[in-house]
C-alpha cells in the first residue's frame, strides 16, 4: 500500500515478548555485546553505534538513561555487568 520496508513492516522479522526481568537484563547486555559477538570490534567501548555510550554520557538523548542505570543499580554496576560475555544460552536463543 505505502511501499514501506522497515522492520516494523516486514513479516519475516521475529519478535519475542520479554516476559521477565532476568530476560530483559540479559537482552540489554546481548544487544550491546552483539558487535563484539559478530567480530565488528573486540570491546563494546570500541563500537560507536551503540546506546551503551549514551547511557554513560550526559549528552541529550531520548533514551531512558536514569531508568536503565537504576535497573542495573547504577553506572558502575552497568559497566561491570557489560564487561562479561552474555549468557551463551541467550546468544544461541537469539539465533533462532
N, C-alpha and C. Protein backbone atom coordinates (compact mmCIF):
# COMPACT_ATOMS: atom_id res chain seq x y z
N UNK A 1 0.82 -1.19 0.00
CA UNK A 1 0.00 0.00 0.00
C UNK A 1 0.87 1.26 0.00
N UNK A 2 1.78 1.39 0.99
CA UNK A 2 2.65 2.56 1.06
C UNK A 2 4.09 2.23 0.69
N UNK A 3 4.34 0.99 0.31
CA UNK A 3 5.67 0.53 -0.08
C UNK A 3 6.70 0.76 1.03
N UNK A 4 6.32 0.47 2.26
CA UNK A 4 7.23 0.61 3.40
C UNK A 4 8.07 -0.65 3.53
N UNK A 5 9.34 -0.49 3.99
CA UNK A 5 10.22 -1.64 4.05
C UNK A 5 10.94 -1.80 5.38
N UNK A 6 10.66 -1.00 6.37
CA UNK A 6 11.34 -1.11 7.65
C UNK A 6 10.96 -2.37 8.41
N UNK A 7 11.71 -2.67 9.47
CA UNK A 7 11.49 -3.89 10.25
C UNK A 7 10.07 -3.97 10.80
N UNK A 8 9.48 -2.84 11.08
CA UNK A 8 8.12 -2.83 11.59
C UNK A 8 7.13 -3.39 10.59
N UNK A 9 7.45 -3.29 9.30
CA UNK A 9 6.52 -3.68 8.25
C UNK A 9 6.84 -5.03 7.62
N UNK A 10 7.92 -5.66 8.02
CA UNK A 10 8.32 -6.94 7.42
C UNK A 10 7.76 -8.10 8.22
N UNK A 11 7.20 -9.07 7.52
CA UNK A 11 6.59 -10.21 8.18
C UNK A 11 7.60 -11.22 8.72
N UNK A 12 8.76 -11.31 8.09
CA UNK A 12 9.71 -12.36 8.47
C UNK A 12 10.56 -11.99 9.69
N UNK A 13 10.46 -10.77 10.17
CA UNK A 13 11.20 -10.37 11.36
C UNK A 13 10.59 -11.07 12.57
N UNK A 14 11.44 -11.73 13.34
CA UNK A 14 10.95 -12.45 14.51
C UNK A 14 10.95 -11.52 15.72
N UNK A 15 9.87 -11.51 16.41
CA UNK A 15 9.75 -10.73 17.63
C UNK A 15 9.51 -11.68 18.78
N UNK A 16 10.07 -11.35 19.91
CA UNK A 16 9.91 -12.20 21.07
C UNK A 16 9.51 -11.33 22.25
N UNK A 17 8.48 -11.73 22.91
CA UNK A 17 7.99 -10.96 24.06
C UNK A 17 8.93 -11.17 25.25
N UNK A 18 9.26 -10.08 25.91
CA UNK A 18 10.08 -10.15 27.12
C UNK A 18 9.13 -10.38 28.28
N UNK A 19 9.25 -11.56 28.88
CA UNK A 19 8.28 -11.96 29.89
C UNK A 19 8.76 -11.85 31.33
N UNK A 20 10.07 -11.62 31.52
CA UNK A 20 10.54 -11.48 32.90
C UNK A 20 11.75 -10.55 32.96
N UNK A 21 12.04 -10.08 34.15
CA UNK A 21 13.10 -9.10 34.35
C UNK A 21 14.48 -9.66 34.06
N UNK A 22 14.71 -10.91 34.41
CA UNK A 22 16.01 -11.53 34.17
C UNK A 22 16.31 -11.57 32.66
N UNK A 23 15.32 -11.95 31.89
CA UNK A 23 15.50 -12.00 30.44
C UNK A 23 15.75 -10.60 29.88
N UNK A 24 15.05 -9.61 30.39
CA UNK A 24 15.25 -8.23 29.94
C UNK A 24 16.69 -7.77 30.20
N UNK A 25 17.19 -8.06 31.38
CA UNK A 25 18.56 -7.68 31.73
C UNK A 25 19.56 -8.32 30.78
N UNK A 26 19.39 -9.60 30.54
CA UNK A 26 20.29 -10.31 29.63
C UNK A 26 20.14 -9.82 28.20
N UNK A 27 18.95 -9.43 27.83
CA UNK A 27 18.70 -8.94 26.48
C UNK A 27 19.41 -7.60 26.23
N UNK A 28 19.38 -6.71 27.21
CA UNK A 28 20.10 -5.44 27.09
C UNK A 28 21.59 -5.71 26.88
N UNK A 29 22.12 -6.64 27.66
CA UNK A 29 23.53 -7.00 27.53
C UNK A 29 23.81 -7.60 26.16
N UNK A 30 22.95 -8.48 25.71
CA UNK A 30 23.12 -9.12 24.40
C UNK A 30 23.14 -8.07 23.28
N UNK A 31 22.25 -7.12 23.34
CA UNK A 31 22.18 -6.08 22.31
C UNK A 31 23.47 -5.27 22.27
N UNK A 32 23.97 -4.90 23.44
CA UNK A 32 25.21 -4.12 23.49
C UNK A 32 26.42 -4.95 23.09
N UNK A 33 26.40 -6.24 23.36
CA UNK A 33 27.54 -7.12 23.08
C UNK A 33 27.54 -7.64 21.64
N UNK A 34 26.45 -7.49 20.94
CA UNK A 34 26.29 -8.05 19.60
C UNK A 34 27.43 -7.69 18.63
N UNK A 35 27.90 -6.44 18.57
CA UNK A 35 29.01 -6.12 17.65
C UNK A 35 30.29 -6.89 17.98
N UNK A 36 30.52 -7.17 19.26
CA UNK A 36 31.68 -7.95 19.67
C UNK A 36 31.49 -9.40 19.22
N UNK A 37 30.31 -9.93 19.47
CA UNK A 37 29.99 -11.31 19.11
C UNK A 37 30.18 -11.56 17.61
N UNK A 38 29.84 -10.59 16.81
CA UNK A 38 29.94 -10.75 15.35
C UNK A 38 31.27 -10.26 14.78
N UNK A 39 32.20 -9.88 15.65
CA UNK A 39 33.55 -9.54 15.21
C UNK A 39 33.73 -8.14 14.64
N UNK A 40 32.78 -7.25 14.86
CA UNK A 40 32.93 -5.88 14.37
C UNK A 40 33.92 -5.09 15.24
N UNK A 41 34.07 -5.51 16.48
CA UNK A 41 35.02 -4.87 17.39
C UNK A 41 35.39 -5.89 18.46
N UNK A 42 36.41 -5.57 19.24
CA UNK A 42 36.84 -6.50 20.29
C UNK A 42 36.26 -6.15 21.65
N UNK A 43 35.74 -4.94 21.77
CA UNK A 43 35.22 -4.46 23.05
C UNK A 43 34.08 -3.49 22.76
N UNK A 44 33.03 -3.53 23.56
CA UNK A 44 31.88 -2.65 23.29
C UNK A 44 32.26 -1.17 23.40
N UNK A 45 33.33 -0.88 24.12
CA UNK A 45 33.78 0.51 24.22
C UNK A 45 34.32 1.02 22.88
N UNK A 46 34.66 0.11 21.98
CA UNK A 46 35.21 0.49 20.68
C UNK A 46 34.15 0.57 19.58
N UNK A 47 32.91 0.34 19.91
CA UNK A 47 31.83 0.38 18.92
C UNK A 47 31.02 1.65 19.13
N UNK A 48 31.07 2.54 18.15
CA UNK A 48 30.43 3.84 18.33
C UNK A 48 28.92 3.82 18.14
N UNK A 49 28.39 2.81 17.46
CA UNK A 49 26.96 2.78 17.13
C UNK A 49 26.18 1.99 18.17
N UNK A 50 26.27 2.38 19.40
CA UNK A 50 25.60 1.65 20.47
C UNK A 50 25.02 2.62 21.50
N UNK A 51 23.93 2.21 22.09
CA UNK A 51 23.34 3.03 23.15
C UNK A 51 24.15 2.90 24.45
N UNK A 52 25.04 1.94 24.51
CA UNK A 52 25.88 1.76 25.70
C UNK A 52 26.57 3.07 26.08
N UNK A 53 27.15 3.76 25.10
CA UNK A 53 27.86 5.01 25.37
C UNK A 53 26.91 6.12 25.82
N UNK A 54 25.76 6.20 25.19
CA UNK A 54 24.80 7.25 25.54
C UNK A 54 24.26 7.08 26.95
N UNK A 55 24.16 5.85 27.39
CA UNK A 55 23.67 5.61 28.75
C UNK A 55 24.68 6.13 29.77
N UNK A 56 25.96 6.09 29.41
CA UNK A 56 27.01 6.54 30.32
C UNK A 56 27.39 8.01 30.13
N UNK A 57 26.82 8.65 29.15
CA UNK A 57 27.16 10.03 28.79
C UNK A 57 26.11 10.99 29.34
N UNK A 58 26.44 12.26 29.36
CA UNK A 58 25.49 13.28 29.81
C UNK A 58 24.84 14.04 28.67
N UNK A 59 25.17 13.65 27.43
CA UNK A 59 24.57 14.34 26.28
C UNK A 59 23.06 14.08 26.23
N UNK A 60 22.36 14.99 25.61
CA UNK A 60 20.91 14.84 25.47
C UNK A 60 20.60 13.59 24.64
N UNK A 61 19.60 12.86 25.07
CA UNK A 61 19.20 11.64 24.38
C UNK A 61 17.74 11.35 24.70
N UNK A 62 17.13 10.55 23.86
CA UNK A 62 15.76 10.12 24.13
C UNK A 62 15.74 8.82 24.94
N UNK A 63 16.91 8.28 25.19
CA UNK A 63 17.00 7.06 25.99
C UNK A 63 16.57 7.35 27.43
N UNK A 64 16.02 6.35 28.05
CA UNK A 64 15.65 6.46 29.46
C UNK A 64 16.88 6.12 30.31
N UNK A 65 17.87 6.98 30.24
CA UNK A 65 19.16 6.76 30.90
C UNK A 65 19.00 6.47 32.39
N UNK A 66 18.25 7.30 33.07
CA UNK A 66 18.06 7.13 34.51
C UNK A 66 17.42 5.78 34.82
N UNK A 67 16.43 5.42 34.03
CA UNK A 67 15.74 4.14 34.23
C UNK A 67 16.70 2.96 34.05
N UNK A 68 17.50 3.01 32.98
CA UNK A 68 18.42 1.91 32.69
C UNK A 68 19.48 1.80 33.79
N UNK A 69 20.06 2.91 34.18
CA UNK A 69 21.09 2.87 35.22
C UNK A 69 20.51 2.40 36.56
N UNK A 70 19.30 2.81 36.83
CA UNK A 70 18.63 2.35 38.06
C UNK A 70 18.37 0.84 37.97
N UNK A 71 17.99 0.37 36.80
CA UNK A 71 17.73 -1.05 36.57
C UNK A 71 18.96 -1.89 36.92
N UNK A 72 20.14 -1.36 36.57
CA UNK A 72 21.39 -2.07 36.82
C UNK A 72 22.05 -1.64 38.13
N UNK A 73 21.35 -0.93 38.97
CA UNK A 73 21.86 -0.46 40.27
C UNK A 73 23.03 0.50 40.14
N UNK A 74 22.98 1.36 39.14
CA UNK A 74 23.97 2.42 39.00
C UNK A 74 24.95 2.20 37.86
N UNK A 75 25.68 3.27 37.58
CA UNK A 75 26.60 3.27 36.44
C UNK A 75 27.71 2.23 36.58
N UNK A 76 28.30 2.13 37.77
CA UNK A 76 29.41 1.19 37.94
C UNK A 76 28.95 -0.26 37.76
N UNK A 77 27.76 -0.58 38.23
CA UNK A 77 27.24 -1.94 38.05
C UNK A 77 26.86 -2.20 36.59
N UNK A 78 26.37 -1.18 35.92
CA UNK A 78 26.04 -1.29 34.50
C UNK A 78 27.30 -1.64 33.70
N UNK A 79 28.38 -0.92 33.96
CA UNK A 79 29.65 -1.16 33.27
C UNK A 79 30.20 -2.53 33.64
N UNK A 80 30.18 -2.84 34.91
CA UNK A 80 30.68 -4.14 35.39
C UNK A 80 29.92 -5.30 34.73
N UNK A 81 28.62 -5.18 34.66
CA UNK A 81 27.79 -6.22 34.05
C UNK A 81 28.17 -6.41 32.58
N UNK A 82 28.46 -5.32 31.89
CA UNK A 82 28.76 -5.38 30.46
C UNK A 82 30.19 -5.83 30.16
N UNK A 83 31.04 -5.95 31.17
CA UNK A 83 32.40 -6.43 30.93
C UNK A 83 32.45 -7.94 30.73
N UNK A 84 31.40 -8.61 31.11
CA UNK A 84 31.36 -10.06 30.93
C UNK A 84 30.69 -10.40 29.60
N UNK A 85 30.92 -11.61 29.13
CA UNK A 85 30.24 -12.09 27.93
C UNK A 85 28.80 -12.42 28.29
N UNK A 86 27.88 -12.24 27.35
CA UNK A 86 26.49 -12.57 27.66
C UNK A 86 26.29 -14.07 27.82
N UNK A 87 25.21 -14.42 28.44
CA UNK A 87 24.85 -15.81 28.65
C UNK A 87 24.81 -16.52 27.29
N UNK A 88 25.63 -17.56 27.08
CA UNK A 88 25.66 -18.24 25.78
C UNK A 88 24.31 -18.83 25.38
N UNK A 89 23.50 -19.20 26.36
CA UNK A 89 22.17 -19.73 26.03
C UNK A 89 21.32 -18.66 25.36
N UNK A 90 21.48 -17.41 25.80
CA UNK A 90 20.73 -16.31 25.20
C UNK A 90 21.23 -16.04 23.79
N UNK A 91 22.54 -16.07 23.60
CA UNK A 91 23.10 -15.84 22.27
C UNK A 91 22.57 -16.88 21.30
N UNK A 92 22.55 -18.14 21.72
CA UNK A 92 22.03 -19.20 20.86
C UNK A 92 20.54 -19.05 20.63
N UNK A 93 19.82 -18.63 21.63
CA UNK A 93 18.38 -18.44 21.51
C UNK A 93 18.06 -17.33 20.51
N UNK A 94 18.87 -16.28 20.50
CA UNK A 94 18.61 -15.15 19.62
C UNK A 94 18.86 -15.52 18.15
N UNK A 95 19.58 -16.60 17.89
CA UNK A 95 19.84 -17.04 16.52
C UNK A 95 18.64 -17.71 15.89
N UNK A 96 17.69 -18.13 16.71
CA UNK A 96 16.51 -18.84 16.19
C UNK A 96 15.69 -17.98 15.27
